[in-house]
Amino acid sequence: MLIGKIMTSTKHRLMVTVEDHKGAKIVDLRSYQIINDGELVPTRDGISFSPEKVDAVIELLREAQKKIAGAPAR
């Protein structure tokens, strides 16, 4: 089930899906490449994890965002 997608470049999208894997639900964050006819094709670049890990992943992403926001400009 597609949750959403983010354009990361003109040729790639980051897609968040919820999938069934061996009878269990998983969250999948994966890079998809756009091929000539506009079709999205999954790449090997991605990560899957259990729904119980979603809060921990969100917290780590928020921490990364804080570090970036507080980083001195170069």
N, C-alpha and C. Protein backbone atom coordinates (compact mmCIF):
# COMPACT_ATOMS: atom_id res chain seq x y z
N MET A 1 0.85 -1.17 0.00
CA MET A 1 0.00 0.00 0.00
C MET A 1 0.90 1.24 0.00
N LEU A 2 0.74 2.07 -0.99
CA LEU A 2 1.52 3.30 -1.09
C LEU A 2 1.06 4.30 -0.04
N ILE A 3 2.01 4.80 0.72
CA ILE A 3 1.73 5.84 1.71
C ILE A 3 2.00 7.21 1.12
N GLY A 4 3.12 7.33 0.39
CA GLY A 4 3.46 8.60 -0.23
C GLY A 4 4.77 8.52 -0.97
N LYS A 5 5.06 9.57 -1.73
CA LYS A 5 6.32 9.63 -2.47
C LYS A 5 6.84 11.05 -2.49
N ILE A 6 8.17 11.14 -2.57
CA ILE A 6 8.87 12.43 -2.57
C ILE A 6 9.81 12.45 -3.77
N MET A 7 9.79 13.53 -4.53
CA MET A 7 10.73 13.67 -5.64
C MET A 7 12.10 13.97 -5.05
N THR A 8 13.08 13.12 -5.34
CA THR A 8 14.45 13.36 -4.86
C THR A 8 15.34 13.90 -5.97
N SER A 9 14.96 13.66 -7.21
CA SER A 9 15.65 14.23 -8.38
C SER A 9 14.68 14.09 -9.55
N THR A 10 15.11 14.56 -10.72
CA THR A 10 14.22 14.46 -11.88
C THR A 10 14.00 13.02 -12.31
N LYS A 11 14.88 12.11 -11.90
CA LYS A 11 14.79 10.71 -12.32
C LYS A 11 14.48 9.74 -11.17
N HIS A 12 14.34 10.24 -9.94
CA HIS A 12 14.13 9.35 -8.80
C HIS A 12 13.04 9.87 -7.86
N ARG A 13 12.37 8.91 -7.22
CA ARG A 13 11.38 9.21 -6.19
C ARG A 13 11.68 8.33 -4.98
N LEU A 14 11.48 8.86 -3.79
CA LEU A 14 11.52 8.07 -2.57
C LEU A 14 10.09 7.71 -2.24
N MET A 15 9.81 6.41 -2.16
CA MET A 15 8.44 5.97 -1.90
C MET A 15 8.37 5.26 -0.56
N VAL A 16 7.31 5.56 0.18
CA VAL A 16 7.04 4.90 1.46
C VAL A 16 5.83 4.01 1.23
N THR A 17 6.01 2.72 1.51
CA THR A 17 4.91 1.76 1.37
C THR A 17 4.83 0.89 2.61
N VAL A 18 3.67 0.29 2.79
CA VAL A 18 3.47 -0.75 3.80
C VAL A 18 3.21 -2.03 3.03
N GLU A 19 3.99 -3.06 3.32
CA GLU A 19 3.93 -4.31 2.58
C GLU A 19 3.72 -5.48 3.53
N ASP A 20 3.25 -6.60 2.97
CA ASP A 20 3.21 -7.87 3.69
C ASP A 20 4.46 -8.65 3.33
N HIS A 21 5.19 -9.12 4.35
CA HIS A 21 6.39 -9.93 4.12
C HIS A 21 6.33 -11.14 5.03
N LYS A 22 6.12 -12.29 4.45
CA LYS A 22 6.02 -13.55 5.21
C LYS A 22 4.97 -13.45 6.30
N GLY A 23 3.84 -12.84 5.97
CA GLY A 23 2.73 -12.74 6.90
C GLY A 23 2.80 -11.60 7.90
N ALA A 24 3.85 -10.78 7.82
CA ALA A 24 3.99 -9.65 8.74
C ALA A 24 4.02 -8.36 7.94
N LYS A 25 3.53 -7.30 8.54
CA LYS A 25 3.57 -5.98 7.92
C LYS A 25 4.96 -5.39 8.09
N ILE A 26 5.47 -4.72 7.04
CA ILE A 26 6.72 -3.98 7.11
C ILE A 26 6.54 -2.62 6.46
N VAL A 27 7.36 -1.68 6.88
CA VAL A 27 7.41 -0.36 6.26
C VAL A 27 8.62 -0.37 5.34
N ASP A 28 8.45 0.08 4.11
CA ASP A 28 9.53 0.08 3.14
C ASP A 28 9.76 1.50 2.65
N LEU A 29 11.00 1.98 2.76
CA LEU A 29 11.43 3.26 2.19
C LEU A 29 12.37 2.89 1.06
N ARG A 30 12.02 3.23 -0.16
CA ARG A 30 12.81 2.76 -1.30
C ARG A 30 12.90 3.83 -2.37
N SER A 31 14.06 3.89 -3.01
CA SER A 31 14.27 4.76 -4.15
C SER A 31 13.73 4.05 -5.39
N TYR A 32 12.97 4.80 -6.18
CA TYR A 32 12.43 4.29 -7.45
C TYR A 32 12.98 5.15 -8.57
N GLN A 33 13.37 4.51 -9.66
CA GLN A 33 13.86 5.22 -10.84
C GLN A 33 12.71 5.38 -11.82
N ILE A 34 12.67 6.55 -12.48
CA ILE A 34 11.66 6.79 -13.50
C ILE A 34 12.28 6.42 -14.84
N ILE A 35 11.67 5.46 -15.53
CA ILE A 35 12.20 5.07 -16.84
C ILE A 35 11.47 5.84 -17.93
N ASN A 36 11.88 5.65 -19.16
CA ASN A 36 11.46 6.47 -20.30
C ASN A 36 9.96 6.74 -20.39
N ASP A 37 9.13 5.74 -20.16
CA ASP A 37 7.69 5.96 -20.32
C ASP A 37 7.02 6.47 -19.05
N GLY A 38 7.83 6.87 -18.05
CA GLY A 38 7.29 7.41 -16.81
C GLY A 38 7.03 6.36 -15.75
N GLU A 39 7.30 5.09 -16.07
CA GLU A 39 7.09 4.01 -15.11
C GLU A 39 8.11 4.11 -13.98
N LEU A 40 7.66 3.87 -12.75
CA LEU A 40 8.54 3.85 -11.59
C LEU A 40 9.02 2.42 -11.36
N VAL A 41 10.35 2.24 -11.29
CA VAL A 41 10.94 0.92 -11.11
C VAL A 41 11.74 0.95 -9.80
N PRO A 42 11.47 0.00 -8.87
CA PRO A 42 12.21 0.00 -7.61
C PRO A 42 13.70 -0.28 -7.83
N THR A 43 14.53 0.37 -7.03
CA THR A 43 15.96 0.11 -7.05
C THR A 43 16.33 -0.71 -5.82
N ARG A 44 17.59 -1.09 -5.73
CA ARG A 44 18.06 -1.82 -4.55
C ARG A 44 18.27 -0.88 -3.37
N ASP A 45 18.25 0.43 -3.62
CA ASP A 45 18.49 1.42 -2.57
C ASP A 45 17.23 1.60 -1.74
N GLY A 46 17.26 1.11 -0.51
CA GLY A 46 16.11 1.25 0.35
C GLY A 46 16.31 0.50 1.64
N ILE A 47 15.31 0.59 2.48
CA ILE A 47 15.34 -0.07 3.77
C ILE A 47 13.92 -0.47 4.15
N SER A 48 13.81 -1.62 4.81
CA SER A 48 12.53 -2.10 5.31
C SER A 48 12.67 -2.35 6.81
N PHE A 49 11.60 -2.07 7.55
CA PHE A 49 11.64 -2.31 8.98
C PHE A 49 10.23 -2.54 9.51
N SER A 50 10.16 -3.06 10.72
CA SER A 50 8.85 -3.37 11.32
C SER A 50 8.16 -2.09 11.75
N PRO A 51 6.83 -2.11 11.82
CA PRO A 51 6.09 -0.92 12.24
C PRO A 51 6.50 -0.43 13.64
N GLU A 52 6.97 -1.34 14.48
CA GLU A 52 7.40 -0.97 15.83
C GLU A 52 8.61 -0.03 15.81
N LYS A 53 9.34 0.01 14.71
CA LYS A 53 10.54 0.85 14.60
C LYS A 53 10.24 2.24 14.03
N VAL A 54 9.01 2.50 13.59
CA VAL A 54 8.67 3.77 12.95
C VAL A 54 8.98 4.96 13.86
N ASP A 55 8.57 4.92 15.12
CA ASP A 55 8.82 6.04 16.02
C ASP A 55 10.32 6.30 16.19
N ALA A 56 11.12 5.24 16.30
CA ALA A 56 12.56 5.40 16.46
C ALA A 56 13.18 6.02 15.20
N VAL A 57 12.73 5.59 14.02
CA VAL A 57 13.25 6.15 12.76
C VAL A 57 12.87 7.62 12.66
N ILE A 58 11.63 7.96 12.99
CA ILE A 58 11.19 9.36 12.96
C ILE A 58 12.03 10.21 13.91
N GLU A 59 12.29 9.70 15.10
CA GLU A 59 13.09 10.44 16.08
C GLU A 59 14.51 10.68 15.56
N LEU A 60 15.10 9.68 14.95
CA LEU A 60 16.45 9.84 14.39
C LEU A 60 16.46 10.87 13.25
N LEU A 61 15.43 10.85 12.42
CA LEU A 61 15.34 11.84 11.35
C LEU A 61 15.17 13.25 11.91
N ARG A 62 14.40 13.38 12.98
CA ARG A 62 14.25 14.70 13.62
C ARG A 62 15.57 15.17 14.21
N GLU A 63 16.32 14.25 14.80
CA GLU A 63 17.63 14.60 15.34
C GLU A 63 18.56 15.07 14.22
N ALA A 64 18.53 14.38 13.08
CA ALA A 64 19.35 14.78 11.93
C ALA A 64 18.94 16.18 11.47
N GLN A 65 17.64 16.42 11.43
CA GLN A 65 17.14 17.74 11.02
C GLN A 65 17.63 18.83 11.97
N LYS A 66 17.61 18.56 13.28
CA LYS A 66 18.10 19.54 14.25
C LYS A 66 19.59 19.80 14.06
N LYS A 67 20.36 18.76 13.81
CA LYS A 67 21.81 18.92 13.61
C LYS A 67 22.09 19.76 12.36
N ILE A 68 21.33 19.50 11.31
CA ILE A 68 21.52 20.27 10.08
C ILE A 68 21.13 21.73 10.30
N ALA A 69 20.02 21.96 10.98
CA ALA A 69 19.56 23.32 11.22
C ALA A 69 20.53 24.10 12.11
N GLY A 70 21.20 23.39 13.01
CA GLY A 70 22.12 24.05 13.93
C GLY A 70 23.55 24.09 13.42
N ALA A 71 23.80 23.49 12.27
CA ALA A 71 25.16 23.45 11.74
C ALA A 71 25.55 24.83 11.21
N PRO A 72 26.80 25.23 11.44
CA PRO A 72 27.24 26.53 10.91
C PRO A 72 27.31 26.50 9.39
N ALA A 73 27.01 27.62 8.78
CA ALA A 73 27.05 27.73 7.31
C ALA A 73 28.50 27.66 6.84
N ARG A 74 28.70 27.09 5.68
CA ARG A 74 30.06 26.98 5.11
C ARG A 74 30.23 27.95 3.99
